[in-house]
Every structure is written in C-alpha cells, then in structure tokens.
Amino acid sequence: MGDPLNLSSSTPYLFQNPDDAGNEDGTGDNAAGDGTGDLLPNRNTPKIEHFYWTDANLHDPTGYWYKSETGDNLFGDDNYTPDISGNPFENVFSTRLAIHGDLVLAGYAYCVNWSAGKKAKDHYDFYIRVSENAGEDWTLPVNVSQLKNHEASVADCRVILTPPTLDEWGIYSPPYGRRIPFSMTGAPAVASTGDFNVRNTFFVGVGTKENIPQPSPNETELEESEVFLDTFYSQAKIANGGIEFETYAKENPKYEEGALPFLEIDGTPTDEACAEVLSDGTCVPNETNPAYPELVDEFNWLAKGDANQGDIQMTCNPFGSRLYTIWEQELPITDEDGQKHFQGSDVWFRKVFYEEPEADLDVNQDGEVDSLDGREILSHIGSTAYDADFLWRGDFLADHRITGKDYSLWKTEFNKLKLSQKRNRWASK
C-alpha cells in the first residue's frame, strides 16, 4: 500500500482575532494548554476570515500540536507561536469516490470550522479533487456547492463518472463456442452514440438542508434534526488541468438595486475585492455581497420548492448525454383540496438529455471547409470509436465508423456548399 494522503487539509490564513491561534499556556481564545487542541469552555469560536489549499497539505498530519517523549508540545520554531501548517478546526463528512482507469474523482462535504458549524455560524460546502494519474497528483479542491451564507448547509452529495462503453456481444467465435464482444476483435460496436464512453465527463449532485444549531454540550450525541431543502446538479468536464462546470443564469433572490460586489469586515458595501494587500502582494479578500449581482451563475435545479427533498441518486450513459436521477421527497399531509398524490413521502424521478455530436463539414476544425477536410476523412478510413474526437466530425453515415461512404457523403455536401457560394458571389456582383 502507498502512503496515505490527506485530501481535505486546509491552511488558515487570517484569523479575525490573532489570539484565536492559541498560546502554549492556554490563554488564547480557543486552544487548550494541555496540547490536545481541544476548545476551552465558554470561549468564542475562532473566526477564520480566509483559508487556502496547497499541494503541501496532502502530507500534512501536524495541525497545531505534536506529541513527543517529553509530553505534548506546541508545534512552532520558537516553541510559542504555532506553525499554522494545518487547520485543527476543519471537519468533513459525506465522502465520495469514483474511478475509471487512472482517473480518480474524490468528493467530500467540508467545513473550515466545525465548532462554528455546530452553532450554525459556519456551514459545509461540497468539494471535489481529481487525479488523472491513479492518485499520484491531485488538483486543488474545487467548491462545487458555493453556498452563499450560513442559512443552509450541504446534505447528501453525489459524484458519478461516465460508465465504460456499452460494447455489443455480436460476434460468434468458434474456438470459444460463444459470442464475444466486438471490441475483442479490434473495435466496439454500439447501438447509439450515447453508448460510447467520454472519459473526462462526470456529474455532481448536491442536496441542501437547513443549517440548524446542534445541542451543546455534546457529551451524548443527539440525533441531528434535518430539514432538507432544494437539490441541484451539473455536468462537468475535466480539461486543460482544470474542471469546467455547466451553469445557468438565475435571478438572485437577495439582489438589491445599486448593491456593490463586496462587504468590508464591518459590513460596509465596497467595490474593492481586497480588504488589504500584504507586503508580499497577497490579497486579503473582502466578503462577497449576497445582494450582488442581479443574476448569478449557478447549477441547475434538480428539485426546488416547499417539499423536504434529499437523498439524491444519479446514473448516466457512457457519453454523458443522458442523466437519470431519483430522490426522496416529503410534503405534509393536509385536508386541504388539491392533488393528494403530491403529499406524504414519495420517490421522484427526472431525466436530463444533452445534445449528441453530429458530422461537421469542417472536419479538421480549422475554421474553413475545403479539400483538406476531405483528405482528413480519407486518411482516417477504418477509424472507429478509438479515435472518438475525429469520429463524431467525420461520421456522415452515422454508423460509428469512418469508411469511403463517409467521404462520398461529405463530398456531396461540400460540392453543394461550393455551388451555393459561387451563386452568392454572382448575385452580389
């Protein structure tokens, strides 16, 4: 087994009160002097104004304290000021994992400050990290839920990668005495474009719930009362070392005309993104203003309304062009007139279809339709799904293979286009 990696450790960058970092004798706002890192009773929860992620956190087990033969010691070069290389206040739940070949997708609900979260003064967002080389290297965490305030927190969250190509079993092989997949002879055969796998596509589903303060003290764990809210989803693509999500422009329910984009620490609106710029050029950011802008780019709704909605389950086809989802939904049972089948507990279903690719006269994607596109088809005759990026643009016969018939169909459309262009030039003269 390889060495374990910490995929969720963050580094606090700015505390509202510097004493929140804690002192060796326990006089700080939170850290106990016994080296346990436990919060002292009747102390304020630390307010972390800003934190960041680095790849160095992947191997960070230290936090604020370390144990030695002489006892518990504060971790720091001067044995007094803590070395803030990890965040002892963070917490995670709802871990998720998906794999396809060397592509690994990890997700988790994360709160930068669990103590504040238990008091509903902080919340959990859903983060994902991606490795394209079997877990050796990872992208920095991406916040896919981006909840705007502490009124809500994430609940059940999901990540799914596109499944493998649905290869048909259609060739009879006498030596084996049975039918074998087409791919065993060199290329898969599928019933539709949607059965081909697109490796770098995945979906994320996010559920939300009311952020309700939990009982304190918490010596005996009490069952958390959960009130589920809305759910939403997005199709994502891994490209150029990053992740691209589909978003939709929605009306901002908190929008106020004339609102500025940021808020200073005291809540004063401002158009300055930085509260201050440190000597090393680092920007200490202001908070975003929830009343700005009028429209916000967010994930599309899966389920929205007064119902208690949660426990999302998702699946998709290999191409990522069809998403199928179910979730639990509950509405109070009332005696009022209306559609009774919407009341009580039910399981709901929704499907989302995306456009699938079609053949393109500009086969080589150079911005011009010319003879070079025909040569591109001729040079790829015999190609199949193993050259999928080209296949979609050159498959005019729509049989998921490139043959001489595809070239003939392209040439027919090419000649029509050229004739039309000549007529347009003649008419303009």
Protein backbone atom coordinates (compact mmCIF):
# COMPACT_ATOMS: atom_id res chain seq x y z
CA MET A 1 0.00 0.00 0.00
CA GLY A 2 1.13 3.53 -0.70
CA ASP A 3 1.44 6.30 1.87
CA PRO A 4 -1.93 7.81 2.90
CA LEU A 5 -2.76 11.28 1.58
CA ASN A 6 -4.79 13.95 3.35
CA LEU A 7 -7.15 15.20 0.63
CA SER A 8 -9.03 17.71 2.80
CA SER A 9 -6.49 19.56 4.96
CA SER A 10 -6.53 23.35 4.57
CA THR A 11 -4.36 26.15 5.97
CA PRO A 12 -5.89 29.06 7.94
CA TYR A 13 -4.55 32.31 6.54
CA LEU A 14 -6.24 35.04 8.53
CA PHE A 15 -7.98 34.92 11.91
CA GLN A 16 -10.31 37.75 12.91
CA ASN A 17 -8.59 37.69 16.31
CA PRO A 18 -4.87 36.67 16.18
CA ASP A 19 -5.23 35.12 19.64
CA ASP A 20 -7.53 32.53 18.11
CA ALA A 21 -4.40 30.69 17.01
CA GLY A 22 -3.91 29.76 20.69
CA ASN A 23 -0.97 30.05 23.06
CA GLU A 24 1.14 27.43 24.78
CA ASP A 25 -0.28 28.27 28.20
CA GLY A 26 -3.86 28.09 27.02
CA THR A 27 -4.51 31.84 27.28
CA GLY A 28 -5.53 32.06 23.66
CA ASP A 29 -9.17 32.26 22.66
CA ASN A 30 -9.56 28.56 21.95
CA ALA A 31 -6.59 26.22 22.23
CA ALA A 32 -6.19 24.31 25.48
CA GLY A 33 -2.75 24.44 27.10
CA ASP A 34 -2.55 20.67 27.53
CA GLY A 35 -1.64 20.15 23.90
CA THR A 36 -4.86 18.38 22.97
CA GLY A 37 -6.07 21.19 20.76
CA ASP A 38 -9.49 20.98 22.43
CA LEU A 39 -11.52 24.18 22.70
CA LEU A 40 -11.75 25.67 26.17
CA PRO A 41 -15.28 26.05 27.60
CA ASN A 42 -17.02 29.43 27.39
CA ARG A 43 -14.60 30.67 24.76
CA ASN A 44 -15.52 32.18 21.43
CA THR A 45 -15.35 30.02 18.35
CA PRO A 46 -12.42 31.16 16.17
CA LYS A 47 -13.43 33.23 13.16
CA ILE A 48 -11.28 32.22 10.19
CA GLU A 49 -11.58 35.06 7.70
CA HIS A 50 -9.67 33.32 4.94
CA PHE A 51 -8.01 29.96 4.29
CA TYR A 52 -6.30 28.36 1.33
CA TRP A 53 -5.29 24.99 -0.10
CA THR A 54 -1.86 23.89 -1.30
CA ASP A 55 -0.48 20.60 -2.52
CA ALA A 56 1.76 20.60 0.57
CA ASN A 57 -1.37 19.87 2.63
CA LEU A 58 -1.56 16.40 1.07
CA HIS A 59 1.02 15.12 3.56
CA ASP A 60 0.17 17.41 6.49
CA PRO A 61 -0.63 15.48 9.72
CA THR A 62 0.64 18.12 12.15
CA GLY A 63 -2.01 20.70 12.97
CA TYR A 64 -1.00 22.82 15.94
CA TRP A 65 0.36 20.21 18.37
CA TYR A 66 2.65 17.23 18.29
CA LYS A 67 3.48 14.51 20.81
CA SER A 68 6.98 13.61 21.96
CA GLU A 69 8.68 11.60 24.69
CA THR A 70 8.64 14.68 26.95
CA GLY A 71 4.90 15.25 26.53
CA ASP A 72 2.63 17.39 24.39
CA ASN A 73 4.32 20.35 22.78
CA LEU A 74 3.20 23.30 20.74
CA PHE A 75 4.43 22.94 17.19
CA GLY A 76 6.47 26.02 16.23
CA ASP A 77 10.03 27.14 15.60
CA ASP A 78 10.08 29.41 18.66
CA ASN A 79 8.11 26.96 20.83
CA TYR A 80 5.47 29.59 21.37
CA THR A 81 3.91 30.81 18.13
CA PRO A 82 2.06 27.96 16.41
CA ASP A 83 3.15 26.89 12.97
CA ILE A 84 -0.14 27.16 11.11
CA SER A 85 0.51 24.42 8.58
CA GLY A 86 -2.85 22.73 9.10
CA ASN A 87 -6.33 23.60 10.30
CA PRO A 88 -7.38 21.79 13.51
CA PHE A 89 -10.90 23.28 13.33
CA GLU A 90 -11.88 21.74 9.98
CA ASN A 91 -14.22 18.78 9.55
CA VAL A 92 -15.54 16.60 6.70
CA PHE A 93 -18.34 14.12 6.01
CA SER A 94 -20.19 12.63 3.02
CA THR A 95 -17.05 11.26 1.34
CA ARG A 96 -17.48 10.11 -2.28
CA LEU A 97 -15.18 8.29 -4.72
CA ALA A 98 -15.35 7.30 -8.40
CA ILE A 99 -12.75 5.70 -10.68
CA HIS A 100 -12.30 4.98 -14.40
CA GLY A 101 -8.86 3.69 -15.36
CA ASP A 102 -6.27 6.13 -13.96
CA LEU A 103 -8.92 8.83 -13.48
CA VAL A 104 -9.92 9.16 -9.81
CA LEU A 105 -12.58 11.57 -8.55
CA ALA A 106 -12.89 12.30 -4.81
CA GLY A 107 -15.54 14.42 -3.09
CA TYR A 108 -16.40 15.46 0.46
CA ALA A 109 -18.51 17.94 2.42
CA TYR A 110 -16.10 20.32 4.16
CA CYS A 111 -16.40 22.95 6.89
CA VAL A 112 -13.43 25.16 7.71
CA ASN A 113 -14.58 25.43 11.34
CA TRP A 114 -16.57 22.53 12.82
CA SER A 115 -17.26 24.31 16.10
CA ALA A 116 -18.78 27.31 14.38
CA GLY A 117 -20.65 24.91 12.11
CA LYS A 118 -22.31 23.20 15.08
CA LYS A 119 -23.61 26.62 16.12
CA ALA A 120 -24.83 27.37 12.55
CA LYS A 121 -22.24 30.16 12.34
CA ASP A 122 -20.46 28.30 9.56
CA HIS A 123 -21.62 25.70 7.03
CA TYR A 124 -20.43 22.76 4.92
CA ASP A 125 -19.75 23.04 1.19
CA PHE A 126 -19.13 20.12 -1.18
CA TYR A 127 -15.62 19.95 -2.63
CA ILE A 128 -14.06 17.67 -5.27
CA ARG A 129 -10.49 16.82 -6.26
CA VAL A 130 -9.36 14.99 -9.40
CA SER A 131 -6.33 12.82 -10.14
CA GLU A 132 -5.61 11.78 -13.71
CA ASN A 133 -2.64 9.53 -12.83
CA ALA A 134 -4.10 6.98 -10.40
CA GLY A 135 -3.81 9.18 -7.31
CA GLU A 136 -0.21 10.37 -7.66
CA ASP A 137 -1.11 14.03 -8.25
CA TRP A 138 -4.33 15.88 -7.47
CA THR A 139 -5.98 19.12 -8.47
CA LEU A 140 -6.61 21.62 -5.69
CA PRO A 141 -10.09 21.27 -4.14
CA VAL A 142 -12.95 22.87 -6.06
CA ASN A 143 -16.00 24.16 -4.17
CA VAL A 144 -18.90 22.90 -6.28
CA SER A 145 -21.77 23.96 -3.99
CA GLN A 146 -20.65 27.53 -3.17
CA LEU A 147 -23.42 28.23 -0.66
CA LYS A 148 -23.70 31.98 -0.14
CA ASN A 149 -24.39 32.12 3.62
CA HIS A 150 -24.88 30.02 6.75
CA GLU A 151 -28.65 29.64 6.37
CA ALA A 152 -28.14 26.31 4.59
CA SER A 153 -25.54 23.56 4.51
CA VAL A 154 -24.98 20.66 2.11
CA ALA A 155 -26.61 17.29 2.79
CA ASP A 156 -26.43 14.24 0.51
CA CYS A 157 -23.98 14.89 -2.33
CA ARG A 158 -23.03 12.65 -5.24
CA VAL A 159 -20.34 12.37 -7.93
CA ILE A 160 -20.50 9.91 -10.86
CA LEU A 161 -18.13 9.31 -13.76
CA THR A 162 -19.43 8.15 -17.13
CA PRO A 163 -19.50 4.31 -17.31
CA PRO A 164 -17.48 2.29 -19.87
CA THR A 165 -18.56 1.89 -23.50
CA LEU A 166 -21.54 -0.45 -23.89
CA ASP A 167 -19.96 -2.94 -26.25
CA GLU A 168 -22.35 -5.31 -28.06
CA TRP A 169 -21.86 -9.07 -27.94
CA GLY A 170 -22.41 -9.93 -31.57
CA ILE A 171 -19.56 -12.00 -32.99
CA TYR A 172 -19.67 -15.79 -32.84
CA SER A 173 -16.22 -17.23 -32.15
CA PRO A 174 -15.99 -20.99 -32.87
CA PRO A 175 -12.82 -21.55 -30.80
CA TYR A 176 -14.65 -20.22 -27.74
CA GLY A 177 -18.02 -21.68 -28.70
CA ARG A 178 -19.82 -18.46 -27.72
CA ARG A 179 -20.36 -14.90 -28.76
CA ILE A 180 -17.71 -12.36 -27.76
CA PRO A 181 -17.70 -8.53 -27.64
CA PHE A 182 -16.87 -6.72 -30.86
CA SER A 183 -14.02 -4.94 -29.04
CA MET A 184 -12.15 -8.26 -28.69
CA THR A 185 -11.71 -8.18 -32.47
CA GLY A 186 -10.40 -4.60 -32.56
CA ALA A 187 -13.32 -2.19 -32.13
CA PRO A 188 -16.56 -1.95 -30.15
CA ALA A 189 -19.96 -1.91 -31.79
CA VAL A 190 -22.70 0.10 -30.10
CA ALA A 191 -26.38 0.77 -30.61
CA SER A 192 -26.10 4.58 -30.41
CA THR A 193 -23.61 7.41 -29.96
CA GLY A 194 -24.60 7.60 -26.31
CA ASP A 195 -23.11 4.14 -25.72
CA PHE A 196 -19.56 5.40 -26.40
CA ASN A 197 -17.63 6.47 -23.30
CA VAL A 198 -16.44 10.04 -22.91
CA ARG A 199 -13.80 9.61 -20.25
CA ASN A 200 -13.43 13.14 -18.85
CA THR A 201 -17.13 13.83 -18.23
CA PHE A 202 -18.84 13.48 -14.86
CA PHE A 203 -21.89 14.71 -12.95
CA VAL A 204 -22.25 16.17 -9.49
CA GLY A 205 -25.46 16.31 -7.45
CA VAL A 206 -25.81 18.46 -4.34
CA GLY A 207 -28.51 18.36 -1.70
CA THR A 208 -29.01 21.11 0.89
CA LYS A 209 -30.57 21.32 4.34
CA GLU A 210 -31.38 23.96 6.92
CA ASN A 211 -28.32 24.82 8.98
CA ILE A 212 -29.76 24.16 12.47
CA PRO A 213 -27.61 24.70 15.61
CA GLN A 214 -26.91 21.45 17.42
CA PRO A 215 -27.32 20.92 21.18
CA SER A 216 -24.47 21.92 23.47
CA PRO A 217 -22.81 20.38 25.41
CA ASN A 218 -22.48 17.41 23.13
CA GLU A 219 -21.25 14.77 25.60
CA THR A 220 -24.09 12.49 24.49
CA GLU A 221 -24.52 12.54 20.75
CA LEU A 222 -28.07 13.55 19.88
CA GLU A 223 -29.65 12.79 16.54
CA GLU A 224 -29.45 15.85 14.35
CA SER A 225 -32.78 17.22 13.18
CA GLU A 226 -32.51 17.57 9.41
CA VAL A 227 -34.83 19.65 7.27
CA PHE A 228 -33.88 19.07 3.64
CA LEU A 229 -34.23 21.90 1.14
CA ASP A 230 -33.52 22.09 -2.61
CA THR A 231 -31.22 19.93 -4.74
CA PHE A 232 -29.22 20.83 -7.86
CA TYR A 233 -26.86 19.21 -10.37
CA SER A 234 -24.25 19.97 -13.03
CA GLN A 235 -22.42 18.26 -15.86
CA ALA A 236 -18.66 18.78 -15.61
CA LYS A 237 -15.67 18.18 -17.89
CA ILE A 238 -12.01 17.73 -16.98
CA ALA A 239 -9.91 19.70 -19.46
CA ASN A 240 -6.56 21.53 -19.55
CA GLY A 241 -5.72 20.65 -15.97
CA GLY A 242 -8.96 22.11 -14.62
CA ILE A 243 -12.67 21.41 -14.27
CA GLU A 244 -15.42 23.15 -16.23
CA PHE A 245 -19.00 23.09 -14.90
CA GLU A 246 -22.20 23.94 -16.73
CA THR A 247 -24.09 26.77 -15.04
CA TYR A 248 -27.36 28.61 -15.57
CA ALA A 249 -28.13 32.29 -15.06
CA LYS A 250 -30.63 32.59 -12.19
CA GLU A 251 -32.27 35.53 -10.50
CA ASN A 252 -30.52 36.42 -7.26
CA PRO A 253 -33.23 36.31 -4.55
CA LYS A 254 -31.18 38.65 -2.33
CA TYR A 255 -30.48 41.21 -5.07
CA GLU A 256 -30.71 44.89 -4.13
CA GLU A 257 -30.56 47.60 -6.77
CA GLY A 258 -27.32 49.56 -6.56
CA ALA A 259 -25.58 46.94 -4.37
CA LEU A 260 -21.77 46.77 -4.50
CA PRO A 261 -19.98 43.41 -5.06
CA PHE A 262 -18.11 43.15 -1.71
CA LEU A 263 -18.54 43.77 2.01
CA GLU A 264 -15.90 45.05 4.42
CA ILE A 265 -15.44 43.33 7.80
CA ASP A 266 -17.93 45.71 9.40
CA GLY A 267 -20.48 45.02 6.64
CA THR A 268 -19.93 48.25 4.70
CA PRO A 269 -20.52 47.70 0.93
CA THR A 270 -17.47 48.28 -1.28
CA ASP A 271 -16.23 47.61 -4.79
CA GLU A 272 -12.75 46.71 -3.50
CA ALA A 273 -12.01 42.99 -3.74
CA CYS A 274 -9.19 43.16 -1.15
CA ALA A 275 -9.53 44.26 2.46
CA GLU A 276 -5.77 44.84 2.37
CA VAL A 277 -2.75 43.85 0.33
CA LEU A 278 0.11 42.40 2.35
CA SER A 279 3.77 43.20 1.80
CA ASP A 280 4.23 40.05 -0.25
CA GLY A 281 1.41 41.13 -2.58
CA THR A 282 -1.15 38.70 -1.15
CA CYS A 283 -4.74 39.94 -1.27
CA VAL A 284 -6.71 39.51 1.94
CA PRO A 285 -10.20 39.29 0.39
CA ASN A 286 -13.36 41.07 1.42
CA GLU A 287 -16.53 39.03 1.78
CA THR A 288 -18.77 38.76 -1.28
CA ASN A 289 -22.03 40.68 -1.05
CA PRO A 290 -25.06 38.34 -1.31
CA ALA A 291 -27.14 41.29 -2.60
CA TYR A 292 -24.98 41.50 -5.77
CA PRO A 293 -25.39 40.90 -8.74
CA GLU A 294 -28.92 40.71 -10.16
CA LEU A 295 -28.21 37.40 -11.94
CA VAL A 296 -25.94 34.65 -10.62
CA ASP A 297 -24.42 31.71 -12.47
CA GLU A 298 -25.27 28.55 -10.55
CA PHE A 299 -26.01 24.87 -11.08
CA ASN A 300 -29.44 23.98 -12.42
CA TRP A 301 -32.21 22.90 -10.06
CA LEU A 302 -32.98 19.21 -9.75
CA ALA A 303 -35.79 19.70 -7.23
CA LYS A 304 -36.97 23.01 -5.81
CA GLY A 305 -39.90 24.08 -3.67
CA ASP A 306 -41.56 23.65 -0.29
CA ALA A 307 -41.03 19.89 -0.06
CA ASN A 308 -38.43 18.16 2.09
CA GLN A 309 -36.11 16.85 -0.69
CA GLY A 310 -32.96 14.78 -0.36
CA ASP A 311 -31.02 11.50 -0.77
CA ILE A 312 -30.18 12.03 -4.45
CA GLN A 313 -29.16 9.03 -6.58
CA MET A 314 -27.78 9.50 -10.09
CA THR A 315 -26.71 7.50 -13.14
CA CYS A 316 -25.82 8.40 -16.73
CA ASN A 317 -25.00 6.84 -20.08
CA PRO A 318 -21.34 6.40 -21.18
CA PHE A 319 -21.35 9.51 -23.40
CA GLY A 320 -22.72 11.68 -20.60
CA SER A 321 -25.57 12.86 -22.81
CA ARG A 322 -28.32 11.35 -20.64
CA LEU A 323 -28.62 11.84 -16.89
CA TYR A 324 -31.19 9.98 -14.79
CA THR A 325 -31.92 10.90 -11.17
CA ILE A 326 -34.20 9.91 -8.31
CA TRP A 327 -34.67 11.49 -4.89
CA GLU A 328 -36.88 11.28 -1.82
CA GLN A 329 -39.49 13.99 -1.32
CA GLU A 330 -41.91 14.64 1.51
CA LEU A 331 -44.78 17.10 1.95
CA PRO A 332 -47.10 17.34 4.96
CA ILE A 333 -50.42 15.55 4.57
CA THR A 334 -53.25 18.07 4.81
CA ASP A 335 -57.03 18.07 4.45
CA GLU A 336 -56.98 20.95 2.01
CA ASP A 337 -58.28 20.44 -1.50
CA GLY A 338 -55.58 19.74 -4.04
CA GLN A 339 -53.52 17.00 -5.63
CA LYS A 340 -53.17 14.49 -2.81
CA HIS A 341 -50.52 12.46 -4.64
CA PHE A 342 -48.01 15.27 -4.00
CA GLN A 343 -48.41 14.80 -0.23
CA GLY A 344 -46.58 12.41 2.05
CA SER A 345 -43.33 10.56 1.26
CA ASP A 346 -42.52 9.65 -2.34
CA VAL A 347 -39.65 8.88 -4.69
CA TRP A 348 -39.39 11.23 -7.67
CA PHE A 349 -37.61 10.73 -10.99
CA ARG A 350 -36.18 13.17 -13.54
CA LYS A 351 -34.16 12.77 -16.74
CA VAL A 352 -31.91 15.37 -18.40
CA PHE A 353 -30.85 14.98 -22.04
CA TYR A 354 -27.93 16.77 -23.72
CA GLU A 355 -27.26 17.12 -27.43
CA GLU A 356 -25.07 14.45 -29.01
CA PRO A 357 -22.45 15.36 -31.67
CA GLU A 358 -23.09 15.28 -35.40
CA ALA A 359 -20.91 15.23 -38.50
CA ASP A 360 -19.30 18.56 -39.42
CA LEU A 361 -18.19 19.67 -42.90
CA ASP A 362 -15.22 21.41 -41.25
CA VAL A 363 -13.75 18.05 -40.29
CA ASN A 364 -10.30 19.28 -39.28
CA GLN A 365 -11.77 22.21 -37.31
CA ASP A 366 -9.50 24.84 -38.90
CA GLY A 367 -12.36 27.28 -39.50
CA GLU A 368 -12.60 26.62 -43.27
CA VAL A 369 -14.43 23.99 -45.34
CA ASP A 370 -12.04 22.98 -48.11
CA SER A 371 -10.35 19.99 -49.72
CA LEU A 372 -8.21 19.45 -46.61
CA ASP A 373 -11.32 18.26 -44.78
CA GLY A 374 -11.90 15.58 -47.43
CA ARG A 375 -8.28 14.45 -47.15
CA GLU A 376 -8.73 14.19 -43.38
CA ILE A 377 -11.60 11.74 -43.87
CA LEU A 378 -9.64 9.69 -46.41
CA SER A 379 -6.68 9.46 -44.02
CA HIS A 380 -8.95 8.14 -41.24
CA ILE A 381 -10.81 5.46 -43.19
CA GLY A 382 -11.01 2.45 -40.88
CA SER A 383 -11.17 4.58 -37.72
CA THR A 384 -13.64 3.67 -35.03
CA ALA A 385 -14.54 4.81 -31.56
CA TYR A 386 -10.89 4.57 -30.53
CA ASP A 387 -10.45 7.87 -32.38
CA ALA A 388 -13.64 9.35 -30.98
CA ASP A 389 -12.70 13.03 -31.28
CA PHE A 390 -12.41 12.65 -35.03
CA LEU A 391 -15.21 10.11 -35.39
CA TRP A 392 -18.03 12.49 -34.50
CA ARG A 393 -16.98 15.04 -37.13
CA GLY A 394 -16.36 12.56 -39.95
CA ASP A 395 -19.14 10.00 -39.46
CA PHE A 396 -21.63 11.23 -42.07
CA LEU A 397 -23.18 7.77 -42.45
CA ALA A 398 -23.79 7.65 -38.66
CA ASP A 399 -22.57 4.07 -38.26
CA HIS A 400 -19.77 4.95 -35.80
CA ARG A 401 -17.05 4.11 -38.32
CA ILE A 402 -15.17 6.03 -41.00
CA THR A 403 -15.48 4.48 -44.45
CA GLY A 404 -15.40 5.52 -48.10
CA LYS A 405 -19.15 6.16 -47.89
CA ASP A 406 -18.50 8.91 -45.33
CA TYR A 407 -16.13 10.59 -47.78
CA SER A 408 -18.72 10.35 -50.59
CA LEU A 409 -21.40 11.93 -48.39
CA TRP A 410 -19.00 14.68 -47.29
CA LYS A 411 -18.01 15.40 -50.90
CA THR A 412 -21.67 15.70 -51.94
CA GLU A 413 -22.36 18.28 -49.22
CA PHE A 414 -19.05 20.03 -49.94
CA ASN A 415 -19.95 20.45 -53.63
CA LYS A 416 -23.38 21.82 -52.67
CA LEU A 417 -21.72 24.35 -50.38
CA LYS A 418 -19.25 25.50 -53.04
CA LEU A 419 -22.02 25.85 -55.65
CA SER A 420 -24.07 27.91 -53.22
CA GLN A 421 -21.08 30.17 -52.51
CA LYS A 422 -20.49 30.75 -56.22
CA ARG A 423 -24.15 31.70 -56.71
CA ASN A 424 -23.95 34.15 -53.81
CA ARG A 425 -20.84 35.79 -55.28
CA TRP A 426 -22.50 36.07 -58.70
CA ALA A 427 -25.62 37.59 -57.13
CA SER A 428 -23.54 40.15 -55.20
CA LYS A 429 -21.89 41.29 -58.42
